[in-house]
Amino acid sequence: MRVILLGPPGAGKGTQAHRLVERHGIPQLSTGDMLREAVAKGTDVGRRAQAVMDAGQLVSDEIVIGIVADRIDQDDARKGFILDGFPRTVAQARALDDMLDERKLAIDAVLEFRVDEQKLVERIEKRARETAEAGLPVRKDDTPEVFHRRLREFRQATAAVSPYYRERGLLREIDGMAPVDHVTDEIETLLTTQVSA
């Protein structure tokens, strides 16, 4: 089972990805984690990424796809994987398709978490407030300024990925504002239908 989770920051993708990992025994692939691991291991693509980052530049789509390719070739991803937060652009989605085609693999489902952005902002602000009141450090991503910026970035780039997958018949919408357990059940129902189809 190869699944992509799409949706704005704070929509619950991470929570549901962890549940999918536990239920299906497939890894959650985070491009940030994979990038750090490739750099730490000194792989060919990791060294290229390090050189780009050392120069203060953004890592190219080619390098990111190379990192994803290296990761899905590992044994634990043979049964499938969950991509959370990638692809972020249509160019990355096309590159991912090409890379998977070379391996005679394909994405089984793309789950888009639909949310009410205003309620999402309120949810994140509440989480930040409760964290601070508990005397714990507030995640940088949970500060209102950073969160609003991340939402803008999502709308500008990542939101264009949904129509790409909709045209291919892979996109399924999830109510990201529903209770967590309800979202989990909805995902399992969709995946059972999609993957067995």
N, C-alpha and C. Protein backbone atom coordinates (compact mmCIF):
# COMPACT_ATOMS: atom_id res chain seq x y z
N MET A 1 0.84 -1.18 0.00
CA MET A 1 0.00 0.00 0.00
C MET A 1 0.89 1.24 0.00
N ARG A 2 0.74 2.06 -1.03
CA ARG A 2 1.52 3.30 -1.14
C ARG A 2 0.54 4.47 -1.12
N VAL A 3 0.67 5.30 -0.09
CA VAL A 3 -0.33 6.34 0.17
C VAL A 3 0.34 7.70 0.33
N ILE A 4 -0.31 8.73 -0.19
CA ILE A 4 0.13 10.11 0.01
C ILE A 4 -0.92 10.82 0.86
N LEU A 5 -0.48 11.55 1.87
CA LEU A 5 -1.38 12.37 2.68
C LEU A 5 -1.15 13.83 2.32
N LEU A 6 -2.23 14.51 1.91
CA LEU A 6 -2.17 15.92 1.56
C LEU A 6 -3.06 16.72 2.50
N GLY A 7 -2.74 17.98 2.65
CA GLY A 7 -3.57 18.85 3.47
C GLY A 7 -2.72 19.91 4.13
N PRO A 8 -3.35 20.97 4.61
CA PRO A 8 -2.60 22.06 5.22
C PRO A 8 -1.96 21.64 6.54
N PRO A 9 -1.00 22.42 7.01
CA PRO A 9 -0.40 22.13 8.32
C PRO A 9 -1.46 22.13 9.40
N GLY A 10 -1.32 21.22 10.36
CA GLY A 10 -2.26 21.17 11.47
C GLY A 10 -3.54 20.41 11.18
N ALA A 11 -3.64 19.79 9.99
CA ALA A 11 -4.88 19.11 9.60
C ALA A 11 -5.00 17.71 10.20
N GLY A 12 -3.94 17.21 10.82
CA GLY A 12 -4.00 15.89 11.44
C GLY A 12 -3.32 14.79 10.65
N LYS A 13 -2.57 15.16 9.61
CA LYS A 13 -1.90 14.16 8.78
C LYS A 13 -0.92 13.32 9.60
N GLY A 14 -0.14 13.98 10.44
CA GLY A 14 0.87 13.27 11.24
C GLY A 14 0.24 12.24 12.16
N THR A 15 -0.83 12.63 12.84
CA THR A 15 -1.54 11.72 13.75
C THR A 15 -2.03 10.49 13.00
N GLN A 16 -2.65 10.72 11.84
CA GLN A 16 -3.20 9.60 11.07
C GLN A 16 -2.10 8.76 10.44
N ALA A 17 -1.00 9.39 10.07
CA ALA A 17 0.13 8.63 9.51
C ALA A 17 0.66 7.65 10.54
N HIS A 18 0.78 8.09 11.80
CA HIS A 18 1.26 7.20 12.86
C HIS A 18 0.32 6.01 13.04
N ARG A 19 -0.98 6.26 12.93
CA ARG A 19 -1.95 5.17 13.08
C ARG A 19 -1.85 4.19 11.91
N LEU A 20 -1.61 4.71 10.71
CA LEU A 20 -1.45 3.84 9.54
C LEU A 20 -0.20 2.98 9.68
N VAL A 21 0.87 3.58 10.20
CA VAL A 21 2.12 2.83 10.43
C VAL A 21 1.84 1.65 11.37
N GLU A 22 1.15 1.94 12.48
CA GLU A 22 0.86 0.89 13.46
C GLU A 22 -0.05 -0.19 12.88
N ARG A 23 -1.05 0.21 12.13
CA ARG A 23 -2.04 -0.74 11.64
C ARG A 23 -1.54 -1.58 10.47
N HIS A 24 -0.73 -0.97 9.59
CA HIS A 24 -0.35 -1.67 8.35
C HIS A 24 1.13 -2.07 8.29
N GLY A 25 1.92 -1.62 9.26
CA GLY A 25 3.32 -2.02 9.29
C GLY A 25 4.15 -1.49 8.14
N ILE A 26 3.77 -0.32 7.63
CA ILE A 26 4.54 0.31 6.56
C ILE A 26 5.09 1.62 7.10
N PRO A 27 6.26 2.07 6.61
CA PRO A 27 6.88 3.27 7.17
C PRO A 27 6.26 4.57 6.68
N GLN A 28 6.31 5.56 7.57
CA GLN A 28 5.94 6.93 7.20
C GLN A 28 7.22 7.60 6.73
N LEU A 29 7.19 8.15 5.53
CA LEU A 29 8.38 8.77 4.96
C LEU A 29 8.24 10.28 5.00
N SER A 30 9.09 10.90 5.78
CA SER A 30 9.15 12.36 5.86
C SER A 30 10.37 12.82 5.10
N THR A 31 10.19 13.72 4.14
CA THR A 31 11.34 14.15 3.34
C THR A 31 12.40 14.81 4.22
N GLY A 32 11.97 15.54 5.23
CA GLY A 32 12.94 16.17 6.14
C GLY A 32 13.79 15.13 6.86
N ASP A 33 13.12 14.10 7.41
CA ASP A 33 13.84 13.02 8.10
C ASP A 33 14.77 12.28 7.15
N MET A 34 14.26 11.99 5.94
CA MET A 34 15.06 11.26 4.96
C MET A 34 16.28 12.06 4.53
N LEU A 35 16.09 13.37 4.39
CA LEU A 35 17.20 14.24 4.01
C LEU A 35 18.28 14.23 5.07
N ARG A 36 17.87 14.38 6.33
CA ARG A 36 18.84 14.36 7.43
C ARG A 36 19.57 13.02 7.51
N GLU A 37 18.82 11.93 7.29
CA GLU A 37 19.43 10.60 7.35
C GLU A 37 20.44 10.40 6.21
N ALA A 38 20.07 10.85 5.00
CA ALA A 38 20.97 10.70 3.85
C ALA A 38 22.26 11.49 4.07
N VAL A 39 22.13 12.69 4.64
CA VAL A 39 23.31 13.51 4.92
C VAL A 39 24.17 12.83 5.98
N ALA A 40 23.52 12.33 7.04
CA ALA A 40 24.25 11.69 8.14
C ALA A 40 24.98 10.43 7.66
N LYS A 41 24.35 9.66 6.76
CA LYS A 41 24.97 8.43 6.26
C LYS A 41 26.01 8.71 5.18
N GLY A 42 26.02 9.95 4.65
CA GLY A 42 26.99 10.29 3.62
C GLY A 42 26.73 9.60 2.29
N THR A 43 25.45 9.31 1.99
CA THR A 43 25.13 8.69 0.69
C THR A 43 25.44 9.69 -0.42
N ASP A 44 25.47 9.21 -1.65
CA ASP A 44 25.78 10.09 -2.79
C ASP A 44 24.80 11.27 -2.83
N VAL A 45 23.51 10.95 -2.75
CA VAL A 45 22.51 12.01 -2.80
C VAL A 45 22.58 12.88 -1.54
N GLY A 46 22.94 12.28 -0.41
CA GLY A 46 23.10 13.03 0.84
C GLY A 46 24.22 14.04 0.74
N ARG A 47 25.33 13.63 0.10
CA ARG A 47 26.47 14.56 -0.07
C ARG A 47 26.09 15.72 -0.99
N ARG A 48 25.32 15.41 -2.04
CA ARG A 48 24.86 16.47 -2.95
C ARG A 48 23.95 17.44 -2.22
N ALA A 49 23.05 16.90 -1.39
CA ALA A 49 22.14 17.74 -0.62
C ALA A 49 22.91 18.62 0.36
N GLN A 50 23.91 18.04 1.02
CA GLN A 50 24.71 18.79 1.99
C GLN A 50 25.42 19.96 1.31
N ALA A 51 25.97 19.73 0.12
CA ALA A 51 26.67 20.79 -0.60
C ALA A 51 25.72 21.95 -0.94
N VAL A 52 24.49 21.60 -1.34
CA VAL A 52 23.49 22.62 -1.67
C VAL A 52 23.12 23.42 -0.42
N MET A 53 22.88 22.70 0.69
CA MET A 53 22.48 23.37 1.93
C MET A 53 23.63 24.23 2.48
N ASP A 54 24.88 23.73 2.35
CA ASP A 54 26.04 24.49 2.82
C ASP A 54 26.16 25.80 2.06
N ALA A 55 25.68 25.80 0.80
CA ALA A 55 25.73 27.01 -0.02
C ALA A 55 24.54 27.93 0.26
N GLY A 56 23.68 27.49 1.21
CA GLY A 56 22.54 28.32 1.60
C GLY A 56 21.39 28.27 0.61
N GLN A 57 21.34 27.22 -0.21
CA GLN A 57 20.29 27.12 -1.21
C GLN A 57 19.28 26.03 -0.83
N LEU A 58 18.13 26.06 -1.51
CA LEU A 58 17.11 25.03 -1.29
C LEU A 58 17.48 23.77 -2.07
N VAL A 59 17.21 22.63 -1.47
CA VAL A 59 17.49 21.36 -2.12
C VAL A 59 16.53 21.20 -3.30
N SER A 60 17.08 20.83 -4.46
CA SER A 60 16.28 20.72 -5.68
C SER A 60 15.33 19.53 -5.63
N ASP A 61 14.31 19.58 -6.50
CA ASP A 61 13.37 18.45 -6.62
C ASP A 61 14.12 17.18 -6.99
N GLU A 62 15.12 17.30 -7.86
CA GLU A 62 15.89 16.12 -8.30
C GLU A 62 16.54 15.43 -7.10
N ILE A 63 17.12 16.22 -6.20
CA ILE A 63 17.77 15.64 -5.03
C ILE A 63 16.73 15.02 -4.09
N VAL A 64 15.62 15.73 -3.89
CA VAL A 64 14.58 15.19 -3.00
C VAL A 64 14.04 13.87 -3.54
N ILE A 65 13.78 13.81 -4.85
CA ILE A 65 13.29 12.57 -5.46
C ILE A 65 14.33 11.47 -5.32
N GLY A 66 15.61 11.83 -5.45
CA GLY A 66 16.68 10.85 -5.25
C GLY A 66 16.66 10.27 -3.84
N ILE A 67 16.41 11.13 -2.88
CA ILE A 67 16.35 10.69 -1.48
C ILE A 67 15.14 9.78 -1.26
N VAL A 68 13.99 10.16 -1.84
CA VAL A 68 12.80 9.32 -1.72
C VAL A 68 13.06 7.97 -2.40
N ALA A 69 13.70 7.98 -3.57
CA ALA A 69 13.98 6.74 -4.30
C ALA A 69 14.87 5.82 -3.46
N ASP A 70 15.93 6.39 -2.87
CA ASP A 70 16.82 5.58 -2.02
C ASP A 70 16.04 4.97 -0.86
N ARG A 71 15.14 5.76 -0.29
CA ARG A 71 14.41 5.29 0.90
C ARG A 71 13.42 4.18 0.56
N ILE A 72 12.70 4.31 -0.55
CA ILE A 72 11.69 3.29 -0.85
C ILE A 72 12.33 1.99 -1.33
N ASP A 73 13.62 2.04 -1.66
CA ASP A 73 14.32 0.82 -2.03
C ASP A 73 14.73 0.00 -0.80
N GLN A 74 14.58 0.56 0.39
CA GLN A 74 14.95 -0.17 1.60
C GLN A 74 13.88 -1.23 1.93
N ASP A 75 14.32 -2.28 2.61
CA ASP A 75 13.47 -3.45 2.85
C ASP A 75 12.14 -3.11 3.51
N ASP A 76 12.15 -2.20 4.51
CA ASP A 76 10.91 -1.95 5.26
C ASP A 76 9.85 -1.24 4.43
N ALA A 77 10.22 -0.71 3.25
CA ALA A 77 9.25 -0.01 2.40
C ALA A 77 8.76 -0.89 1.26
N ARG A 78 9.18 -2.14 1.23
CA ARG A 78 8.79 -3.03 0.12
C ARG A 78 7.28 -3.28 0.08
N LYS A 79 6.64 -3.36 1.27
CA LYS A 79 5.19 -3.58 1.32
C LYS A 79 4.40 -2.30 1.06
N GLY A 80 5.09 -1.17 1.12
CA GLY A 80 4.43 0.10 0.91
C GLY A 80 4.99 1.17 1.82
N PHE A 81 4.39 2.36 1.73
CA PHE A 81 4.86 3.50 2.52
C PHE A 81 3.81 4.60 2.53
N ILE A 82 3.99 5.53 3.46
CA ILE A 82 3.11 6.69 3.57
C ILE A 82 3.97 7.92 3.37
N LEU A 83 3.61 8.74 2.39
CA LEU A 83 4.30 10.01 2.18
C LEU A 83 3.45 11.11 2.80
N ASP A 84 4.03 11.82 3.74
CA ASP A 84 3.33 12.89 4.46
C ASP A 84 4.08 14.19 4.19
N GLY A 85 3.43 15.13 3.50
CA GLY A 85 4.08 16.41 3.22
C GLY A 85 4.89 16.39 1.93
N PHE A 86 4.73 15.37 1.13
CA PHE A 86 5.41 15.27 -0.15
C PHE A 86 4.54 14.42 -1.07
N PRO A 87 4.38 14.81 -2.32
CA PRO A 87 4.98 15.95 -3.00
C PRO A 87 4.31 17.27 -2.64
N ARG A 88 5.11 18.35 -2.72
CA ARG A 88 4.61 19.68 -2.39
C ARG A 88 4.22 20.50 -3.62
N THR A 89 4.67 20.05 -4.78
CA THR A 89 4.37 20.77 -6.03
C THR A 89 4.00 19.76 -7.11
N VAL A 90 3.40 20.26 -8.18
CA VAL A 90 3.04 19.38 -9.30
C VAL A 90 4.31 18.81 -9.94
N ALA A 91 5.37 19.61 -10.01
CA ALA A 91 6.64 19.12 -10.57
C ALA A 91 7.15 17.93 -9.75
N GLN A 92 7.06 18.02 -8.43
CA GLN A 92 7.48 16.90 -7.58
C GLN A 92 6.57 15.69 -7.78
N ALA A 93 5.27 15.93 -7.94
CA ALA A 93 4.33 14.82 -8.16
C ALA A 93 4.66 14.09 -9.45
N ARG A 94 4.96 14.84 -10.51
CA ARG A 94 5.32 14.21 -11.79
C ARG A 94 6.61 13.43 -11.66
N ALA A 95 7.59 14.03 -10.98
CA ALA A 95 8.89 13.36 -10.79
C ALA A 95 8.72 12.08 -9.97
N LEU A 96 7.84 12.14 -8.97
CA LEU A 96 7.56 10.95 -8.15
C LEU A 96 6.94 9.86 -9.01
N ASP A 97 5.98 10.22 -9.85
CA ASP A 97 5.35 9.25 -10.75
C ASP A 97 6.38 8.58 -11.65
N ASP A 98 7.27 9.40 -12.22
CA ASP A 98 8.30 8.86 -13.12
C ASP A 98 9.21 7.88 -12.39
N MET A 99 9.62 8.28 -11.18
CA MET A 99 10.52 7.43 -10.39
C MET A 99 9.84 6.10 -10.02
N LEU A 100 8.55 6.17 -9.66
CA LEU A 100 7.82 4.95 -9.31
C LEU A 100 7.60 4.08 -10.56
N ASP A 101 7.33 4.73 -11.71
CA ASP A 101 7.15 3.98 -12.96
C ASP A 101 8.38 3.15 -13.28
N GLU A 102 9.56 3.74 -13.05
CA GLU A 102 10.82 3.03 -13.32
C GLU A 102 10.91 1.75 -12.49
N ARG A 103 10.27 1.76 -11.32
CA ARG A 103 10.30 0.60 -10.43
C ARG A 103 9.06 -0.27 -10.58
N LYS A 104 8.23 0.05 -11.56
CA LYS A 104 6.97 -0.67 -11.79
C LYS A 104 6.08 -0.62 -10.54
N LEU A 105 6.07 0.56 -9.90
CA LEU A 105 5.24 0.81 -8.72
C LEU A 105 4.30 1.97 -9.03
N ALA A 106 3.29 2.14 -8.19
CA ALA A 106 2.36 3.26 -8.35
C ALA A 106 1.77 3.62 -6.99
N ILE A 107 1.30 4.85 -6.90
CA ILE A 107 0.58 5.30 -5.70
C ILE A 107 -0.81 4.67 -5.74
N ASP A 108 -1.24 4.12 -4.59
CA ASP A 108 -2.56 3.49 -4.50
C ASP A 108 -3.65 4.50 -4.18
N ALA A 109 -3.34 5.47 -3.33
CA ALA A 109 -4.36 6.43 -2.92
C ALA A 109 -3.70 7.72 -2.44
N VAL A 110 -4.41 8.82 -2.68
CA VAL A 110 -3.99 10.13 -2.19
C VAL A 110 -5.14 10.65 -1.33
N LEU A 111 -4.87 10.84 -0.05
CA LEU A 111 -5.90 11.28 0.89
C LEU A 111 -5.69 12.74 1.22
N GLU A 112 -6.68 13.55 0.87
CA GLU A 112 -6.58 14.98 1.15
C GLU A 112 -7.45 15.34 2.35
N PHE A 113 -6.81 15.92 3.36
CA PHE A 113 -7.50 16.33 4.57
C PHE A 113 -8.11 17.71 4.34
N ARG A 114 -9.45 17.76 4.27
CA ARG A 114 -10.14 19.03 4.06
C ARG A 114 -10.45 19.64 5.42
N VAL A 115 -10.18 20.93 5.55
CA VAL A 115 -10.39 21.61 6.83
C VAL A 115 -10.97 23.00 6.63
N ASP A 116 -11.60 23.49 7.68
CA ASP A 116 -12.04 24.88 7.75
C ASP A 116 -10.83 25.65 8.28
N GLU A 117 -10.23 26.49 7.42
CA GLU A 117 -8.96 27.12 7.81
C GLU A 117 -9.09 27.99 9.06
N GLN A 118 -10.22 28.70 9.20
CA GLN A 118 -10.37 29.55 10.38
C GLN A 118 -10.42 28.70 11.65
N LYS A 119 -11.16 27.59 11.60
CA LYS A 119 -11.21 26.70 12.76
C LYS A 119 -9.85 26.04 13.00
N LEU A 120 -9.14 25.79 11.92
CA LEU A 120 -7.81 25.21 12.05
C LEU A 120 -6.86 26.17 12.78
N VAL A 121 -6.93 27.45 12.41
CA VAL A 121 -6.11 28.46 13.07
C VAL A 121 -6.46 28.52 14.55
N GLU A 122 -7.77 28.48 14.86
CA GLU A 122 -8.21 28.50 16.27
C GLU A 122 -7.69 27.27 17.01
N ARG A 123 -7.71 26.10 16.34
CA ARG A 123 -7.23 24.85 16.95
C ARG A 123 -5.73 24.96 17.28
N ILE A 124 -4.95 25.51 16.35
CA ILE A 124 -3.51 25.63 16.55
C ILE A 124 -3.20 26.65 17.65
N GLU A 125 -3.94 27.77 17.64
CA GLU A 125 -3.73 28.79 18.68
C GLU A 125 -4.06 28.23 20.06
N LYS A 126 -5.12 27.42 20.13
CA LYS A 126 -5.51 26.80 21.40
C LYS A 126 -4.42 25.82 21.86
N ARG A 127 -3.90 25.02 20.91
CA ARG A 127 -2.84 24.07 21.25
C ARG A 127 -1.60 24.81 21.76
N ALA A 128 -1.24 25.91 21.12
CA ALA A 128 -0.07 26.68 21.54
C ALA A 128 -0.29 27.27 22.93
N ARG A 129 -1.51 27.79 23.16
CA ARG A 129 -1.83 28.39 24.46
C ARG A 129 -1.78 27.34 25.58
N GLU A 130 -2.39 26.18 25.32
CA GLU A 130 -2.40 25.12 26.34
C GLU A 130 -1.00 24.59 26.62
N THR A 131 -0.18 24.51 25.58
CA THR A 131 1.21 24.06 25.74
C THR A 131 1.98 25.04 26.61
N ALA A 132 1.81 26.33 26.32
CA ALA A 132 2.51 27.37 27.09
C ALA A 132 2.03 27.37 28.54
N GLU A 133 0.70 27.23 28.74
CA GLU A 133 0.14 27.22 30.11
C GLU A 133 0.66 26.02 30.91
N ALA A 134 0.98 24.94 30.21
CA ALA A 134 1.50 23.75 30.89
C ALA A 134 3.00 23.87 31.18
N GLY A 135 3.56 25.01 30.77
CA GLY A 135 4.98 25.24 31.02
C GLY A 135 5.89 24.51 30.05
N LEU A 136 5.33 24.06 28.93
CA LEU A 136 6.12 23.34 27.92
C LEU A 136 6.48 24.29 26.78
N PRO A 137 7.56 23.99 26.05
CA PRO A 137 7.92 24.85 24.93
C PRO A 137 6.91 24.71 23.79
N VAL A 138 6.54 25.84 23.21
CA VAL A 138 5.60 25.84 22.09
C VAL A 138 6.39 25.60 20.81
N ARG A 139 5.91 24.64 20.01
CA ARG A 139 6.57 24.38 18.72
C ARG A 139 6.59 25.65 17.90
N LYS A 140 7.71 25.88 17.24
CA LYS A 140 7.83 27.09 16.41
C LYS A 140 6.73 27.15 15.37
N ASP A 141 6.37 25.97 14.82
CA ASP A 141 5.33 25.90 13.79
C ASP A 141 3.95 26.28 14.33
N ASP A 142 3.79 26.26 15.66
CA ASP A 142 2.49 26.56 16.26
C ASP A 142 2.31 28.03 16.62
N THR A 143 3.32 28.86 16.40
CA THR A 143 3.12 30.28 16.67
C THR A 143 2.23 30.84 15.56
N PRO A 144 1.32 31.77 15.89
CA PRO A 144 0.38 32.25 14.87
C PRO A 144 1.05 32.78 13.60
N GLU A 145 2.15 33.53 13.75
CA GLU A 145 2.81 34.13 12.58
C GLU A 145 3.33 33.03 11.65
N VAL A 146 4.03 32.05 12.24
CA VAL A 146 4.60 30.97 11.43
C VAL A 146 3.50 30.13 10.81
N PHE A 147 2.45 29.86 11.59
CA PHE A 147 1.37 29.02 11.08
C PHE A 147 0.66 29.69 9.91
N HIS A 148 0.41 31.00 10.02
CA HIS A 148 -0.24 31.72 8.90
C HIS A 148 0.64 31.68 7.65
N ARG A 149 1.96 31.83 7.85
CA ARG A 149 2.88 31.77 6.71
C ARG A 149 2.84 30.39 6.06
N ARG A 150 2.83 29.33 6.88
CA ARG A 150 2.78 27.97 6.35
C ARG A 150 1.47 27.71 5.59
N LEU A 151 0.38 28.27 6.08
CA LEU A 151 -0.90 28.12 5.38
C LEU A 151 -0.83 28.80 4.01
N ARG A 152 -0.24 30.00 3.96
CA ARG A 152 -0.10 30.72 2.69
C ARG A 152 0.74 29.90 1.71
N GLU A 153 1.86 29.36 2.20
CA GLU A 153 2.73 28.55 1.35
C GLU A 153 1.99 27.32 0.82
N PHE A 154 1.18 26.72 1.69
CA PHE A 154 0.41 25.55 1.27
C PHE A 154 -0.54 25.92 0.14
N ARG A 155 -1.26 27.04 0.31
CA ARG A 155 -2.23 27.46 -0.71
C ARG A 155 -1.53 27.77 -2.03
N GLN A 156 -0.36 28.39 -1.96
CA GLN A 156 0.33 28.83 -3.19
C GLN A 156 0.92 27.66 -3.98
N ALA A 157 1.46 26.68 -3.29
CA ALA A 157 2.16 25.61 -4.01
C ALA A 157 1.45 24.27 -3.90
N THR A 158 1.30 23.79 -2.69
CA THR A 158 0.84 22.42 -2.48
C THR A 158 -0.60 22.22 -2.92
N ALA A 159 -1.44 23.23 -2.79
CA ALA A 159 -2.84 23.07 -3.14
C ALA A 159 -3.02 22.68 -4.60
N ALA A 160 -2.05 22.99 -5.44
CA ALA A 160 -2.14 22.64 -6.86
C ALA A 160 -1.94 21.15 -7.10
N VAL A 161 -1.43 20.44 -6.10
CA VAL A 161 -1.18 19.01 -6.25
C VAL A 161 -2.50 18.22 -6.27
N SER A 162 -3.50 18.70 -5.54
CA SER A 162 -4.78 17.98 -5.46
C SER A 162 -5.41 17.76 -6.84
N PRO A 163 -5.54 18.80 -7.68
CA PRO A 163 -6.14 18.56 -9.00
C PRO A 163 -5.35 17.56 -9.84
N TYR A 164 -4.02 17.56 -9.67
CA TYR A 164 -3.17 16.62 -10.40
C TYR A 164 -3.59 15.18 -10.10
N TYR A 165 -3.77 14.88 -8.82
CA TYR A 165 -4.17 13.52 -8.44
C TYR A 165 -5.65 13.25 -8.68
N ARG A 166 -6.47 14.30 -8.62
CA ARG A 166 -7.90 14.12 -8.89
C ARG A 166 -8.08 13.66 -10.34
N GLU A 167 -7.33 14.28 -11.26
CA GLU A 167 -7.43 13.91 -12.68
C GLU A 167 -7.05 12.45 -12.90
N ARG A 168 -6.21 11.90 -12.04
CA ARG A 168 -5.77 10.50 -12.18
C ARG A 168 -6.66 9.53 -11.42
N GLY A 169 -7.72 10.05 -10.80
CA GLY A 169 -8.67 9.20 -10.10
C GLY A 169 -8.16 8.65 -8.77
N LEU A 170 -7.09 9.26 -8.22
CA LEU A 170 -6.50 8.76 -6.98
C LEU A 170 -6.92 9.54 -5.74
N LEU A 171 -7.42 10.76 -5.93
CA LEU A 171 -7.69 11.64 -4.79
C LEU A 171 -8.98 11.27 -4.07
N ARG A 172 -8.89 11.16 -2.75
CA ARG A 172 -10.05 10.94 -1.90
C ARG A 172 -10.01 11.99 -0.78
N GLU A 173 -11.15 12.60 -0.51
CA GLU A 173 -11.19 13.65 0.50
C GLU A 173 -11.58 13.10 1.86
N ILE A 174 -10.91 13.62 2.88
CA ILE A 174 -11.14 13.23 4.27
C ILE A 174 -11.56 14.47 5.04
N ASP A 175 -12.55 14.33 5.91
CA ASP A 175 -12.97 15.45 6.76
C ASP A 175 -11.98 15.60 7.91
N GLY A 176 -11.01 16.49 7.75
CA GLY A 176 -9.98 16.69 8.75
C GLY A 176 -10.46 17.35 10.03
N MET A 177 -11.71 17.85 10.04
CA MET A 177 -12.25 18.50 11.23
C MET A 177 -13.02 17.51 12.11
N ALA A 178 -13.22 16.30 11.62
CA ALA A 178 -13.96 15.29 12.40
C ALA A 178 -13.09 14.78 13.55
N PRO A 179 -13.72 14.13 14.56
CA PRO A 179 -12.93 13.54 15.65
C PRO A 179 -11.88 12.57 15.12
N VAL A 180 -10.75 12.49 15.81
CA VAL A 180 -9.60 11.70 15.35
C VAL A 180 -9.98 10.26 15.00
N ASP A 181 -10.74 9.59 15.89
CA ASP A 181 -11.10 8.19 15.64
C ASP A 181 -12.00 8.04 14.41
N HIS A 182 -12.87 9.03 14.21
CA HIS A 182 -13.75 9.01 13.03
C HIS A 182 -12.91 9.13 11.76
N VAL A 183 -11.90 10.01 11.78
CA VAL A 183 -11.02 10.20 10.63
C VAL A 183 -10.28 8.89 10.34
N THR A 184 -9.79 8.23 11.38
CA THR A 184 -9.10 6.95 11.21
C THR A 184 -10.00 5.93 10.53
N ASP A 185 -11.24 5.83 11.00
CA ASP A 185 -12.20 4.88 10.41
C ASP A 185 -12.48 5.21 8.95
N GLU A 186 -12.62 6.50 8.66
CA GLU A 186 -12.91 6.94 7.29
C GLU A 186 -11.74 6.58 6.37
N ILE A 187 -10.52 6.78 6.86
CA ILE A 187 -9.33 6.44 6.07
C ILE A 187 -9.29 4.95 5.79
N GLU A 188 -9.53 4.14 6.80
CA GLU A 188 -9.48 2.68 6.62
C GLU A 188 -10.51 2.22 5.60
N THR A 189 -11.70 2.80 5.67
CA THR A 189 -12.76 2.44 4.70
C THR A 189 -12.33 2.82 3.29
N LEU A 190 -11.80 4.04 3.13
CA LEU A 190 -11.37 4.49 1.81
C LEU A 190 -10.22 3.64 1.26
N LEU A 191 -9.28 3.33 2.12
CA LEU A 191 -8.12 2.54 1.68
C LEU A 191 -8.53 1.12 1.29
N THR A 192 -9.44 0.54 2.06
CA THR A 192 -9.91 -0.82 1.76
C THR A 192 -10.56 -0.83 0.38
N THR A 193 -11.36 0.19 0.09
CA THR A 193 -12.05 0.30 -1.20
C THR A 193 -11.06 0.58 -2.31
N GLN A 194 -10.17 1.56 -2.09
CA GLN A 194 -9.24 2.02 -3.13
C GLN A 194 -8.19 0.97 -3.48
N VAL A 195 -7.57 0.39 -2.46
CA VAL A 195 -6.45 -0.52 -2.71
C VAL A 195 -6.93 -1.85 -3.27
N SER A 196 -8.15 -2.26 -2.89
CA SER A 196 -8.66 -3.54 -3.39
C SER A 196 -9.35 -3.39 -4.75
N ALA A 197 -9.53 -2.14 -5.18
CA ALA A 197 -10.25 -1.90 -6.45
C ALA A 197 -9.40 -2.32 -7.66
